[in-house]
Amino acid sequence: MMNDFLTEDTKAIILLCGVFSKERTVKPLTLTEYTKVVQWLMKENLRPADLLEQKNVEHASKNSGLDGQRLVNLLRRGVQLGFAVEEWQRNGIWVISRSDKEYPIRYKKHLKEKSPPLLFGVGNRSLLSGGGLAVVGSRNIDETALLFTQKIGEMCADTKMPVVSGGARGIDITAMEACLNAGGVAIGVLADTLLKKSLERDARRAVAEGRLLLLSPYHPNARFTVGGAMGRNKLIYALADYALVVSAEYKKGGTWSGAVEELNRNNSIPVFVRTSKDTPSGNDKLIELGACKWNDELELHNLQQNSTEESILNQEADRELKFEQVDLL
C-alpha cells in the first residue's frame, strides 16, 4: 500500500525530513541539512532512494558533515512512516517530494534550493502547476478591506484566474471563499492544520468539485507557529503569477515580511498594493520599496490576459526544466 502511495525517492526524503508523531527520538533534517545531502547525491550521480541502501549512508554522512547514526536512525523509521501513511490515505491526504514529476516547477524555478523537500496536499493535483493572483493581507480586517477583498475574489472567479492565498483568518480566507463561492478556483498554501481544514464542509465540497487545492510543507497535523507562517509566505508568491497586498502593517507581521522578501528577490513576481486613504502605512511603504499601485478593475483583466500569454510562452521551457532540475532532488 505504501509503495503505491510514495515513490522510492519520496519515501527516502520523508524518512529523512518528515515528522510522524509528537514524540521524536531523532530530529528530522532541516532544509539546510537536506541540501547538504542533495549536494553529495548530485556529485555522486545518485538519487534519494539510494540512501535506502545501508552502504550509501556512511558516505552521505562523511561528505555532508551530518552524524551518521542520526541518518541511520531516521531511515529506520519505516514502521512509523507506515502508520502515518495509513492515516494520510484515510483522510485523502497525499504527499510528494522534490523528486516527483508532479512537484511544482514554479517552486524549483522561483525558490531553487529553498524549495520545500516535501509537500502535503488535499485536492486537485493539476492545480500544482500554479498560476493566478496571490491575495495576501493582515488577519485583522476592516469593512473597507473586507469588501475590497470579496470583490477581488469574485473578479478572479469571473476572469478564471485562481486565487492563491494562505488560508489564514482575515484577508486570506476572505479572498479564497469569495472566489470559490463565485464558482472560481483557489489554492491555499497553509502553515498549519492541513488535515483539520481539509475536513471542513465547504472545503470538502470545493475539493470534490476539483476547484480547491490545499497545500502545506508541514505535517498535516502541525500547529500554528510564527516561524511556520513566515516560512510558507514565499510559497504563496512562488505559486502565483502576480500578488496583491490588501493590507500590511509597516514592519509588522507576516504580510509585511513576505512582501518585502518577494520584492527583494531577483526573480520576483509583480507585487501590487491596494491604495486608498484608509490603508495601513505599510501599503505605502511597500510602494516605496518597488511594489505597484493597484488602480482599478481593469487591472485584473489585464493581468489575466498577460498571464495566459506568458503561460503559453513558458510551457516548453517548463517541460525542459522538468528533465534538467536534477539539482533539486
C-alpha atoms as a PDB file:
ATOM      1  CA  MET A   1       0.000   0.000   0.000  1.00  0.00           C
ATOM      2  CA  MET A   2       2.773   2.427   0.970  1.00  0.00           C
ATOM      3  CA  ASN A   3       4.717   1.623  -2.191  1.00  0.00           C
ATOM      4  CA  ASP A   4       1.723   2.734  -4.275  1.00  0.00           C
ATOM      5  CA  PHE A   5       1.380   5.929  -2.246  1.00  0.00           C
ATOM      6  CA  LEU A   6       5.015   7.063  -2.227  1.00  0.00           C
ATOM      7  CA  THR A   7       7.765   6.835  -4.800  1.00  0.00           C
ATOM      8  CA  GLU A   8      11.025   5.353  -3.546  1.00  0.00           C
ATOM      9  CA  ASP A   9      12.674   8.791  -3.666  1.00  0.00           C
ATOM     10  CA  THR A  10       9.840  10.347  -1.687  1.00  0.00           C
ATOM     11  CA  LYS A  11       9.973   7.522   0.839  1.00  0.00           C
ATOM     12  CA  ALA A  12      13.644   8.283   1.481  1.00  0.00           C
ATOM     13  CA  ILE A  13      13.081  12.039   1.675  1.00  0.00           C
ATOM     14  CA  ILE A  14      10.190  11.751   4.092  1.00  0.00           C
ATOM     15  CA  LEU A  15      12.162   9.378   6.303  1.00  0.00           C
ATOM     16  CA  LEU A  16      14.937  11.954   6.422  1.00  0.00           C
ATOM     17  CA  CYS A  17      12.861  15.134   6.701  1.00  0.00           C
ATOM     18  CA  GLY A  18       9.374  14.103   7.798  1.00  0.00           C
ATOM     19  CA  VAL A  19       7.631  14.380  11.151  1.00  0.00           C
ATOM     20  CA  PHE A  20       5.385  11.421  12.054  1.00  0.00           C
ATOM     21  CA  SER A  21       4.418  11.954  15.688  1.00  0.00           C
ATOM     22  CA  LYS A  22       4.799  14.315  18.636  1.00  0.00           C
ATOM     23  CA  GLU A  23       7.396  12.083  20.278  1.00  0.00           C
ATOM     24  CA  ARG A  24      10.667  12.275  18.357  1.00  0.00           C
ATOM     25  CA  THR A  25      13.708  10.261  19.357  1.00  0.00           C
ATOM     26  CA  VAL A  26      15.695  11.702  16.466  1.00  0.00           C
ATOM     27  CA  LYS A  27      15.431  15.135  14.872  1.00  0.00           C
ATOM     28  CA  PRO A  28      14.476  15.178  11.154  1.00  0.00           C
ATOM     29  CA  LEU A  29      16.786  17.017   8.772  1.00  0.00           C
ATOM     30  CA  THR A  30      16.238  20.709   8.245  1.00  0.00           C
ATOM     31  CA  LEU A  31      16.091  22.176   4.748  1.00  0.00           C
ATOM     32  CA  THR A  32      19.708  23.317   5.087  1.00  0.00           C
ATOM     33  CA  GLU A  33      20.829  19.857   6.192  1.00  0.00           C
ATOM     34  CA  TYR A  34      18.909  18.120   3.442  1.00  0.00           C
ATOM     35  CA  THR A  35      20.529  20.462   0.920  1.00  0.00           C
ATOM     36  CA  LYS A  36      23.934  19.176   2.036  1.00  0.00           C
ATOM     37  CA  VAL A  37      22.792  15.613   1.371  1.00  0.00           C
ATOM     38  CA  VAL A  38      21.451  16.631  -2.047  1.00  0.00           C
ATOM     39  CA  GLN A  39      24.762  18.210  -2.985  1.00  0.00           C
ATOM     40  CA  TRP A  40      26.527  14.922  -2.281  1.00  0.00           C
ATOM     41  CA  LEU A  41      23.894  12.892  -4.152  1.00  0.00           C
ATOM     42  CA  MET A  42      24.320  15.139  -7.176  1.00  0.00           C
ATOM     43  CA  LYS A  43      28.072  14.798  -7.080  1.00  0.00           C
ATOM     44  CA  GLU A  44      27.816  11.008  -6.999  1.00  0.00           C
ATOM     45  CA  ASN A  45      25.004  10.875  -9.570  1.00  0.00           C
ATOM     46  CA  LEU A  46      22.725   9.180  -7.030  1.00  0.00           C
ATOM     47  CA  ARG A  47      19.048   9.528  -6.139  1.00  0.00           C
ATOM     48  CA  PRO A  48      17.488   9.920  -2.660  1.00  0.00           C
ATOM     49  CA  ALA A  49      16.248   6.327  -2.940  1.00  0.00           C
ATOM     50  CA  ASP A  50      19.864   5.164  -2.992  1.00  0.00           C
ATOM     51  CA  LEU A  51      20.080   6.165   0.675  1.00  0.00           C
ATOM     52  CA  LEU A  52      17.724   3.297   1.496  1.00  0.00           C
ATOM     53  CA  GLU A  53      20.785   1.114   0.923  1.00  0.00           C
ATOM     54  CA  GLN A  54      22.985   0.988   4.013  1.00  0.00           C
ATOM     55  CA  LYS A  55      26.252   1.194   2.058  1.00  0.00           C
ATOM     56  CA  ASN A  56      25.464   4.722   0.851  1.00  0.00           C
ATOM     57  CA  VAL A  57      24.541   6.183   4.245  1.00  0.00           C
ATOM     58  CA  GLU A  58      28.094   6.193   5.591  1.00  0.00           C
ATOM     59  CA  HIS A  59      29.362   8.046   2.522  1.00  0.00           C
ATOM     60  CA  ALA A  60      26.476  10.509   2.746  1.00  0.00           C
ATOM     61  CA  SER A  61      27.325  11.222   6.376  1.00  0.00           C
ATOM     62  CA  LYS A  62      31.014  11.717   5.706  1.00  0.00           C
ATOM     63  CA  ASN A  63      30.509  14.044   2.765  1.00  0.00           C
ATOM     64  CA  SER A  64      27.615  16.069   4.162  1.00  0.00           C
ATOM     65  CA  GLY A  65      29.062  16.528   7.646  1.00  0.00           C
ATOM     66  CA  LEU A  66      25.940  15.052   9.261  1.00  0.00           C
ATOM     67  CA  ASP A  67      26.012  12.494  12.031  1.00  0.00           C
ATOM     68  CA  GLY A  68      25.913   9.015  10.538  1.00  0.00           C
ATOM     69  CA  GLN A  69      23.916   7.406  13.341  1.00  0.00           C
ATOM     70  CA  ARG A  70      21.313  10.135  13.062  1.00  0.00           C
ATOM     71  CA  LEU A  71      20.880   9.379   9.351  1.00  0.00           C
ATOM     72  CA  VAL A  72      20.628   5.667  10.090  1.00  0.00           C
ATOM     73  CA  ASN A  73      18.003   6.221  12.790  1.00  0.00           C
ATOM     74  CA  LEU A  74      15.949   8.471  10.536  1.00  0.00           C
ATOM     75  CA  LEU A  75      15.982   5.965   7.707  1.00  0.00           C
ATOM     76  CA  ARG A  76      14.908   3.173  10.075  1.00  0.00           C
ATOM     77  CA  ARG A  77      11.562   4.838  10.792  1.00  0.00           C
ATOM     78  CA  GLY A  78       9.743   2.658   8.277  1.00  0.00           C
ATOM     79  CA  VAL A  79       7.142   1.379  10.751  1.00  0.00           C
ATOM     80  CA  GLN A  80       6.266   4.910  11.893  1.00  0.00           C
ATOM     81  CA  LEU A  81       6.021   6.002   8.279  1.00  0.00           C
ATOM     82  CA  GLY A  82       3.683   3.107   7.517  1.00  0.00           C
ATOM     83  CA  PHE A  83       1.253   4.145  10.264  1.00  0.00           C
ATOM     84  CA  ALA A  84       1.422   7.769   9.131  1.00  0.00           C
ATOM     85  CA  VAL A  85       0.715   6.834   5.514  1.00  0.00           C
ATOM     86  CA  GLU A  86      -2.381   4.873   6.569  1.00  0.00           C
ATOM     87  CA  GLU A  87      -3.745   7.917   8.383  1.00  0.00           C
ATOM     88  CA  TRP A  88      -2.999  10.236   5.469  1.00  0.00           C
ATOM     89  CA  GLN A  89      -4.663   7.909   2.986  1.00  0.00           C
ATOM     90  CA  ARG A  90      -7.795   7.593   5.137  1.00  0.00           C
ATOM     91  CA  ASN A  91      -8.166  11.361   5.110  1.00  0.00           C
ATOM     92  CA  GLY A  92      -7.441  11.940   1.421  1.00  0.00           C
ATOM     93  CA  ILE A  93      -4.025  13.487   2.018  1.00  0.00           C
ATOM     94  CA  TRP A  94      -1.244  12.863  -0.484  1.00  0.00           C
ATOM     95  CA  VAL A  95       2.440  13.709  -0.273  1.00  0.00           C
ATOM     96  CA  ILE A  96       5.004  14.454  -2.953  1.00  0.00           C
ATOM     97  CA  SER A  97       8.673  15.380  -2.850  1.00  0.00           C
ATOM     98  CA  ARG A  98      11.024  17.473  -4.944  1.00  0.00           C
ATOM     99  CA  SER A  99      11.987  14.305  -6.798  1.00  0.00           C
ATOM    100  CA  ASP A 100       8.446  13.676  -8.067  1.00  0.00           C
ATOM    101  CA  LYS A 101       7.329  14.774 -11.529  1.00  0.00           C
ATOM    102  CA  GLU A 102       4.232  16.415 -10.059  1.00  0.00           C
ATOM    103  CA  TYR A 103       6.236  18.728  -7.822  1.00  0.00           C
ATOM    104  CA  PRO A 104       5.509  22.377  -8.769  1.00  0.00           C
ATOM    105  CA  ILE A 105       8.018  23.574 -11.346  1.00  0.00           C
ATOM    106  CA  ARG A 106       7.300  27.119 -10.190  1.00  0.00           C
ATOM    107  CA  TYR A 107       8.867  26.341  -6.820  1.00  0.00           C
ATOM    108  CA  LYS A 108      12.030  24.980  -8.407  1.00  0.00           C
ATOM    109  CA  LYS A 109      12.330  27.989 -10.720  1.00  0.00           C
ATOM    110  CA  HIS A 110      11.459  30.602  -8.114  1.00  0.00           C
ATOM    111  CA  LEU A 111      12.949  29.220  -4.900  1.00  0.00           C
ATOM    112  CA  LYS A 112      15.602  26.830  -6.200  1.00  0.00           C
ATOM    113  CA  GLU A 113      17.336  25.045  -3.288  1.00  0.00           C
ATOM    114  CA  LYS A 114      14.909  26.686  -0.831  1.00  0.00           C
ATOM    115  CA  SER A 115      12.022  24.718  -2.324  1.00  0.00           C
ATOM    116  CA  PRO A 116      10.480  22.555   0.426  1.00  0.00           C
ATOM    117  CA  PRO A 117      11.595  18.903   0.178  1.00  0.00           C
ATOM    118  CA  LEU A 118       8.040  17.685   0.895  1.00  0.00           C
ATOM    119  CA  LEU A 119       4.528  18.897   0.121  1.00  0.00           C
ATOM    120  CA  PHE A 120       1.357  17.528   1.719  1.00  0.00           C
ATOM    121  CA  GLY A 121      -1.859  18.195  -0.127  1.00  0.00           C
ATOM    122  CA  VAL A 122      -5.588  17.663  -0.461  1.00  0.00           C
ATOM    123  CA  GLY A 123      -7.488  18.249  -3.666  1.00  0.00           C
ATOM    124  CA  ASN A 124      -6.912  18.719  -7.362  1.00  0.00           C
ATOM    125  CA  ARG A 125      -3.263  17.900  -8.131  1.00  0.00           C
ATOM    126  CA  SER A 126      -3.477  19.522 -11.561  1.00  0.00           C
ATOM    127  CA  LEU A 127      -3.572  22.865  -9.715  1.00  0.00           C
ATOM    128  CA  LEU A 128       0.036  22.236  -8.634  1.00  0.00           C
ATOM    129  CA  SER A 129       1.041  23.885 -11.898  1.00  0.00           C
ATOM    130  CA  GLY A 130       0.021  27.087 -10.159  1.00  0.00           C
ATOM    131  CA  GLY A 131      -0.739  30.428 -11.730  1.00  0.00           C
ATOM    132  CA  GLY A 132      -3.146  33.111 -10.629  1.00  0.00           C
ATOM    133  CA  LEU A 133      -3.246  36.048  -8.257  1.00  0.00           C
ATOM    134  CA  ALA A 134      -1.788  35.757  -4.760  1.00  0.00           C
ATOM    135  CA  VAL A 135      -4.031  37.764  -2.415  1.00  0.00           C
ATOM    136  CA  VAL A 136      -2.475  38.434   0.983  1.00  0.00           C
ATOM    137  CA  GLY A 137      -3.101  40.681   3.933  1.00  0.00           C
ATOM    138  CA  SER A 138      -3.430  41.014   7.668  1.00  0.00           C
ATOM    139  CA  ARG A 139      -5.632  38.854   9.870  1.00  0.00           C
ATOM    140  CA  ASN A 140      -7.414  41.919  11.274  1.00  0.00           C
ATOM    141  CA  ILE A 141      -9.663  43.232   8.519  1.00  0.00           C
ATOM    142  CA  ASP A 142     -11.894  46.320   8.492  1.00  0.00           C
ATOM    143  CA  GLU A 143     -15.072  46.702   6.473  1.00  0.00           C
ATOM    144  CA  THR A 144     -13.403  48.510   3.559  1.00  0.00           C
ATOM    145  CA  ALA A 145     -10.703  45.867   3.190  1.00  0.00           C
ATOM    146  CA  LEU A 146     -13.313  43.121   3.541  1.00  0.00           C
ATOM    147  CA  LEU A 147     -15.448  44.453   0.699  1.00  0.00           C
ATOM    148  CA  PHE A 148     -12.404  45.077  -1.482  1.00  0.00           C
ATOM    149  CA  THR A 149     -11.117  41.541  -0.922  1.00  0.00           C
ATOM    150  CA  GLN A 150     -14.500  39.971  -1.623  1.00  0.00           C
ATOM    151  CA  LYS A 151     -14.693  41.933  -4.850  1.00  0.00           C
ATOM    152  CA  ILE A 152     -11.214  40.768  -5.903  1.00  0.00           C
ATOM    153  CA  GLY A 153     -12.126  37.161  -5.205  1.00  0.00           C
ATOM    154  CA  GLU A 154     -15.285  37.440  -7.296  1.00  0.00           C
ATOM    155  CA  MET A 155     -13.394  39.129 -10.119  1.00  0.00           C
ATOM    156  CA  CYS A 156     -10.817  36.335 -10.114  1.00  0.00           C
ATOM    157  CA  ALA A 157     -13.615  33.807 -10.489  1.00  0.00           C
ATOM    158  CA  ASP A 158     -15.146  35.846 -13.307  1.00  0.00           C
ATOM    159  CA  THR A 159     -11.862  36.027 -15.224  1.00  0.00           C
ATOM    160  CA  LYS A 160     -10.996  32.375 -14.431  1.00  0.00           C
ATOM    161  CA  MET A 161      -7.855  33.397 -12.564  1.00  0.00           C
ATOM    162  CA  PRO A 162      -7.142  31.250  -9.490  1.00  0.00           C
ATOM    163  CA  VAL A 163      -6.748  32.905  -6.112  1.00  0.00           C
ATOM    164  CA  VAL A 164      -3.599  31.808  -4.279  1.00  0.00           C
ATOM    165  CA  SER A 165      -3.507  32.590  -0.582  1.00  0.00           C
ATOM    166  CA  GLY A 166      -2.587  31.309   2.854  1.00  0.00           C
ATOM    167  CA  GLY A 167      -5.960  30.249   4.227  1.00  0.00           C
ATOM    168  CA  ALA A 168      -5.494  32.310   7.388  1.00  0.00           C
ATOM    169  CA  ARG A 169      -8.198  34.330   9.118  1.00  0.00           C
ATOM    170  CA  GLY A 170      -8.814  37.757   7.570  1.00  0.00           C
ATOM    171  CA  ILE A 171      -7.757  38.679   4.040  1.00  0.00           C
ATOM    172  CA  ASP A 172      -6.576  35.201   3.048  1.00  0.00           C
ATOM    173  CA  ILE A 173      -9.719  33.220   3.758  1.00  0.00           C
ATOM    174  CA  THR A 174     -11.978  36.042   2.583  1.00  0.00           C
ATOM    175  CA  ALA A 175     -10.358  36.084  -0.869  1.00  0.00           C
ATOM    176  CA  MET A 176     -10.463  32.306  -1.194  1.00  0.00           C
ATOM    177  CA  GLU A 177     -14.071  31.960  -0.063  1.00  0.00           C
ATOM    178  CA  ALA A 178     -15.275  34.804  -2.298  1.00  0.00           C
ATOM    179  CA  CYS A 179     -13.610  33.202  -5.311  1.00  0.00           C
ATOM    180  CA  LEU A 180     -14.954  29.719  -4.528  1.00  0.00           C
ATOM    181  CA  ASN A 181     -18.463  30.993  -3.804  1.00  0.00           C
ATOM    182  CA  ALA A 182     -18.457  32.695  -7.213  1.00  0.00           C
ATOM    183  CA  GLY A 183     -17.514  29.430  -8.930  1.00  0.00           C
ATOM    184  CA  GLY A 184     -13.790  30.064  -9.171  1.00  0.00           C
ATOM    185  CA  VAL A 185     -10.644  28.136  -8.257  1.00  0.00           C
ATOM    186  CA  ALA A 186      -8.492  28.627  -5.168  1.00  0.00           C
ATOM    187  CA  ILE A 187      -5.146  27.347  -3.905  1.00  0.00           C
ATOM    188  CA  GLY A 188      -4.473  27.552  -0.190  1.00  0.00           C
ATOM    189  CA  VAL A 189      -0.860  27.239   0.978  1.00  0.00           C
ATOM    190  CA  LEU A 190      -1.299  26.501   4.673  1.00  0.00           C
ATOM    191  CA  ALA A 191       1.062  26.979   7.590  1.00  0.00           C
ATOM    192  CA  ASP A 192      -0.809  24.628   9.934  1.00  0.00           C
ATOM    193  CA  THR A 193      -3.609  22.079  10.453  1.00  0.00           C
ATOM    194  CA  LEU A 194      -3.970  20.909   6.864  1.00  0.00           C
ATOM    195  CA  LEU A 195      -5.958  17.863   7.979  1.00  0.00           C
ATOM    196  CA  LYS A 196      -8.416  19.855  10.091  1.00  0.00           C
ATOM    197  CA  LYS A 197      -9.059  22.448   7.407  1.00  0.00           C
ATOM    198  CA  SER A 198      -9.492  19.823   4.701  1.00  0.00           C
ATOM    199  CA  LEU A 199     -12.349  18.282   6.691  1.00  0.00           C
ATOM    200  CA  GLU A 200     -14.397  21.481   6.868  1.00  0.00           C
ATOM    201  CA  ARG A 201     -17.680  21.143   4.966  1.00  0.00           C
ATOM    202  CA  ASP A 202     -17.121  23.952   2.443  1.00  0.00           C
ATOM    203  CA  ALA A 203     -13.574  22.794   1.760  1.00  0.00           C
ATOM    204  CA  ARG A 204     -14.685  19.199   1.193  1.00  0.00           C
ATOM    205  CA  ARG A 205     -17.279  20.325  -1.327  1.00  0.00           C
ATOM    206  CA  ALA A 206     -14.846  22.518  -3.270  1.00  0.00           C
ATOM    207  CA  VAL A 207     -12.238  19.746  -3.214  1.00  0.00           C
ATOM    208  CA  ALA A 208     -14.804  17.249  -4.533  1.00  0.00           C
ATOM    209  CA  GLU A 209     -15.617  19.666  -7.372  1.00  0.00           C
ATOM    210  CA  GLY A 210     -11.932  19.973  -8.292  1.00  0.00           C
ATOM    211  CA  ARG A 211     -11.846  23.710  -7.540  1.00  0.00           C
ATOM    212  CA  LEU A 212      -9.711  23.751  -4.408  1.00  0.00           C
ATOM    213  CA  LEU A 213      -6.174  22.660  -3.621  1.00  0.00           C
ATOM    214  CA  LEU A 214      -4.898  22.817  -0.048  1.00  0.00           C
ATOM    215  CA  LEU A 215      -1.138  22.522   0.254  1.00  0.00           C
ATOM    216  CA  SER A 216       1.395  22.622   3.062  1.00  0.00           C
ATOM    217  CA  PRO A 217       5.125  21.969   3.503  1.00  0.00           C
ATOM    218  CA  TYR A 218       4.389  20.907   7.087  1.00  0.00           C
ATOM    219  CA  HIS A 219       2.952  17.801   8.729  1.00  0.00           C
ATOM    220  CA  PRO A 220      -0.857  17.625   8.219  1.00  0.00           C
ATOM    221  CA  ASN A 221      -1.438  17.983  11.973  1.00  0.00           C
ATOM    222  CA  ALA A 222       1.148  20.724  12.521  1.00  0.00           C
ATOM    223  CA  ARG A 223       0.096  23.518  14.872  1.00  0.00           C
ATOM    224  CA  PHE A 224       0.467  27.194  14.054  1.00  0.00           C
ATOM    225  CA  THR A 225       3.847  28.788  14.693  1.00  0.00           C
ATOM    226  CA  VAL A 226       5.111  32.192  13.664  1.00  0.00           C
ATOM    227  CA  GLY A 227       8.122  30.561  12.017  1.00  0.00           C
ATOM    228  CA  GLY A 228       5.891  28.220  10.062  1.00  0.00           C
ATOM    229  CA  ALA A 229       3.760  31.082   8.801  1.00  0.00           C
ATOM    230  CA  MET A 230       6.814  33.085   7.806  1.00  0.00           C
ATOM    231  CA  GLY A 231       8.278  30.082   6.024  1.00  0.00           C
ATOM    232  CA  ARG A 232       5.207  29.443   3.888  1.00  0.00           C
ATOM    233  CA  ASN A 233       4.811  33.068   2.707  1.00  0.00           C
ATOM    234  CA  LYS A 234       7.323  32.640  -0.093  1.00  0.00           C
ATOM    235  CA  LEU A 235       5.437  29.531  -1.236  1.00  0.00           C
ATOM    236  CA  ILE A 236       2.311  31.615  -1.824  1.00  0.00           C
ATOM    237  CA  TYR A 237       4.151  34.093  -4.036  1.00  0.00           C
ATOM    238  CA  ALA A 238       6.113  31.407  -5.866  1.00  0.00           C
ATOM    239  CA  LEU A 239       2.945  29.606  -6.966  1.00  0.00           C
ATOM    240  CA  ALA A 240       1.309  32.733  -8.447  1.00  0.00           C
ATOM    241  CA  ASP A 241       1.811  34.966 -11.469  1.00  0.00           C
ATOM    242  CA  TYR A 242       1.105  38.191  -9.573  1.00  0.00           C
ATOM    243  CA  ALA A 243       0.498  39.261  -5.992  1.00  0.00           C
ATOM    244  CA  LEU A 244      -1.874  41.776  -4.422  1.00  0.00           C
ATOM    245  CA  VAL A 245      -1.251  43.022  -0.886  1.00  0.00           C
ATOM    246  CA  VAL A 246      -4.549  44.244   0.551  1.00  0.00           C
ATOM    247  CA  SER A 247      -3.322  45.420   3.961  1.00  0.00           C
ATOM    248  CA  ALA A 248       0.141  45.392   5.512  1.00  0.00           C
ATOM    249  CA  GLU A 249       1.311  46.873   8.798  1.00  0.00           C
ATOM    250  CA  TYR A 250       4.635  48.654   8.495  1.00  0.00           C
ATOM    251  CA  LYS A 251       7.450  46.341   9.607  1.00  0.00           C
ATOM    252  CA  LYS A 252       4.962  44.108  11.444  1.00  0.00           C
ATOM    253  CA  GLY A 253       3.664  40.628  10.768  1.00  0.00           C
ATOM    254  CA  GLY A 254       3.956  38.054   8.039  1.00  0.00           C
ATOM    255  CA  THR A 255       2.244  40.098   5.332  1.00  0.00           C
ATOM    256  CA  TRP A 256       4.901  42.803   5.525  1.00  0.00           C
ATOM    257  CA  SER A 257       7.862  40.429   5.759  1.00  0.00           C
ATOM    258  CA  GLY A 258       6.526  38.180   2.982  1.00  0.00           C
ATOM    259  CA  ALA A 259       6.011  41.093   0.600  1.00  0.00           C
ATOM    260  CA  VAL A 260       9.443  42.578   1.351  1.00  0.00           C
ATOM    261  CA  GLU A 261      11.069  39.172   0.852  1.00  0.00           C
ATOM    262  CA  GLU A 262       9.423  38.854  -2.553  1.00  0.00           C
ATOM    263  CA  LEU A 263      10.278  42.405  -3.636  1.00  0.00           C
ATOM    264  CA  ASN A 264      13.920  41.744  -2.774  1.00  0.00           C
ATOM    265  CA  ARG A 265      14.047  38.520  -4.776  1.00  0.00           C
ATOM    266  CA  ASN A 266      15.971  38.681  -8.061  1.00  0.00           C
ATOM    267  CA  ASN A 267      13.245  36.850  -9.963  1.00  0.00           C
ATOM    268  CA  SER A 268      10.288  38.308  -8.079  1.00  0.00           C
ATOM    269  CA  ILE A 269       6.767  38.318  -9.457  1.00  0.00           C
ATOM    270  CA  PRO A 270       4.990  41.691  -9.826  1.00  0.00           C
ATOM    271  CA  VAL A 271       3.623  42.789  -6.445  1.00  0.00           C
ATOM    272  CA  PHE A 272       0.621  45.140  -6.360  1.00  0.00           C
ATOM    273  CA  VAL A 273      -0.709  47.030  -3.349  1.00  0.00           C
ATOM    274  CA  ARG A 274      -4.180  48.387  -2.567  1.00  0.00           C
ATOM    275  CA  THR A 275      -4.135  52.159  -2.255  1.00  0.00           C
ATOM    276  CA  SER A 276      -6.718  54.398  -0.580  1.00  0.00           C
ATOM    277  CA  LYS A 277      -6.830  56.974   2.182  1.00  0.00           C
ATOM    278  CA  ASP A 278      -7.564  54.389   4.859  1.00  0.00           C
ATOM    279  CA  THR A 279      -4.978  51.697   4.058  1.00  0.00           C
ATOM    280  CA  PRO A 280      -2.288  50.866   6.647  1.00  0.00           C
ATOM    281  CA  SER A 281       1.007  52.723   6.423  1.00  0.00           C
ATOM    282  CA  GLY A 282       2.738  49.541   5.328  1.00  0.00           C
ATOM    283  CA  ASN A 283       0.960  49.685   1.970  1.00  0.00           C
ATOM    284  CA  ASP A 284       2.572  52.990   1.027  1.00  0.00           C
ATOM    285  CA  LYS A 285       5.947  51.813   2.309  1.00  0.00           C
ATOM    286  CA  LEU A 286       5.765  48.747   0.068  1.00  0.00           C
ATOM    287  CA  ILE A 287       5.202  51.009  -2.918  1.00  0.00           C
ATOM    288  CA  GLU A 288       8.342  52.916  -1.938  1.00  0.00           C
ATOM    289  CA  LEU A 289      10.173  49.573  -1.972  1.00  0.00           C
ATOM    290  CA  GLY A 290       9.073  48.811  -5.527  1.00  0.00           C
ATOM    291  CA  ALA A 291       5.521  47.482  -5.359  1.00  0.00           C
ATOM    292  CA  CYS A 292       2.958  48.760  -7.868  1.00  0.00           C
ATOM    293  CA  LYS A 293      -0.302  50.550  -7.138  1.00  0.00           C
ATOM    294  CA  TRP A 294      -3.468  48.576  -7.760  1.00  0.00           C
ATOM    295  CA  ASN A 295      -5.550  51.030  -9.734  1.00  0.00           C
ATOM    296  CA  ASP A 296      -8.911  49.719 -10.872  1.00  0.00           C
ATOM    297  CA  GLU A 297     -10.954  46.754 -12.052  1.00  0.00           C
ATOM    298  CA  LEU A 298      -9.248  46.740 -15.440  1.00  0.00           C
ATOM    299  CA  GLU A 299      -6.024  45.737 -13.713  1.00  0.00           C
ATOM    300  CA  LEU A 300      -7.219  42.190 -13.057  1.00  0.00           C
ATOM    301  CA  HIS A 301      -8.413  41.646 -16.620  1.00  0.00           C
ATOM    302  CA  ASN A 302      -5.068  42.889 -17.944  1.00  0.00           C
ATOM    303  CA  LEU A 303      -3.191  40.564 -15.612  1.00  0.00           C
ATOM    304  CA  GLN A 304      -5.342  37.628 -16.638  1.00  0.00           C
ATOM    305  CA  GLN A 305      -4.579  38.246 -20.312  1.00  0.00           C
ATOM    306  CA  ASN A 306      -0.860  38.678 -19.676  1.00  0.00           C
ATOM    307  CA  SER A 307      -0.762  35.577 -17.506  1.00  0.00           C
ATOM    308  CA  THR A 308      -2.307  33.461 -20.274  1.00  0.00           C
ATOM    309  CA  GLU A 309       0.191  34.744 -22.836  1.00  0.00           C
ATOM    310  CA  GLU A 310       3.152  34.121 -20.520  1.00  0.00           C
ATOM    311  CA  SER A 311       1.901  30.630 -19.762  1.00  0.00           C
ATOM    312  CA  ILE A 312       1.909  29.718 -23.445  1.00  0.00           C
ATOM    313  CA  LEU A 313       5.390  31.144 -23.934  1.00  0.00           C
ATOM    314  CA  ASN A 314       6.793  29.281 -20.929  1.00  0.00           C
ATOM    315  CA  GLN A 315       5.249  25.854 -21.483  1.00  0.00           C
ATOM    316  CA  GLU A 316       8.172  24.478 -23.464  1.00  0.00           C
ATOM    317  CA  ALA A 317      10.725  25.923 -21.054  1.00  0.00           C
ATOM    318  CA  ASP A 318       8.897  24.313 -18.127  1.00  0.00           C
ATOM    319  CA  ARG A 319       8.847  20.935 -19.855  1.00  0.00           C
ATOM    320  CA  GLU A 320      12.602  21.138 -20.353  1.00  0.00           C
ATOM    321  CA  LEU A 321      13.113  22.166 -16.745  1.00  0.00           C
ATOM    322  CA  LYS A 322      11.387  19.003 -15.515  1.00  0.00           C
ATOM    323  CA  PHE A 323      14.208  16.987 -17.007  1.00  0.00           C
ATOM    324  CA  GLU A 324      17.026  19.368 -16.130  1.00  0.00           C
ATOM    325  CA  GLN A 325      16.308  20.111 -12.464  1.00  0.00           C
ATOM    326  CA  VAL A 326      18.311  17.211 -11.064  1.00  0.00           C
ATOM    327  CA  ASP A 327      19.975  19.663  -8.700  1.00  0.00           C
ATOM    328  CA  LEU A 328      16.772  19.823  -6.624  1.00  0.00           C
ATOM    329  CA  LEU A 329      16.395  16.177  -5.662  1.00  0.00           C
END
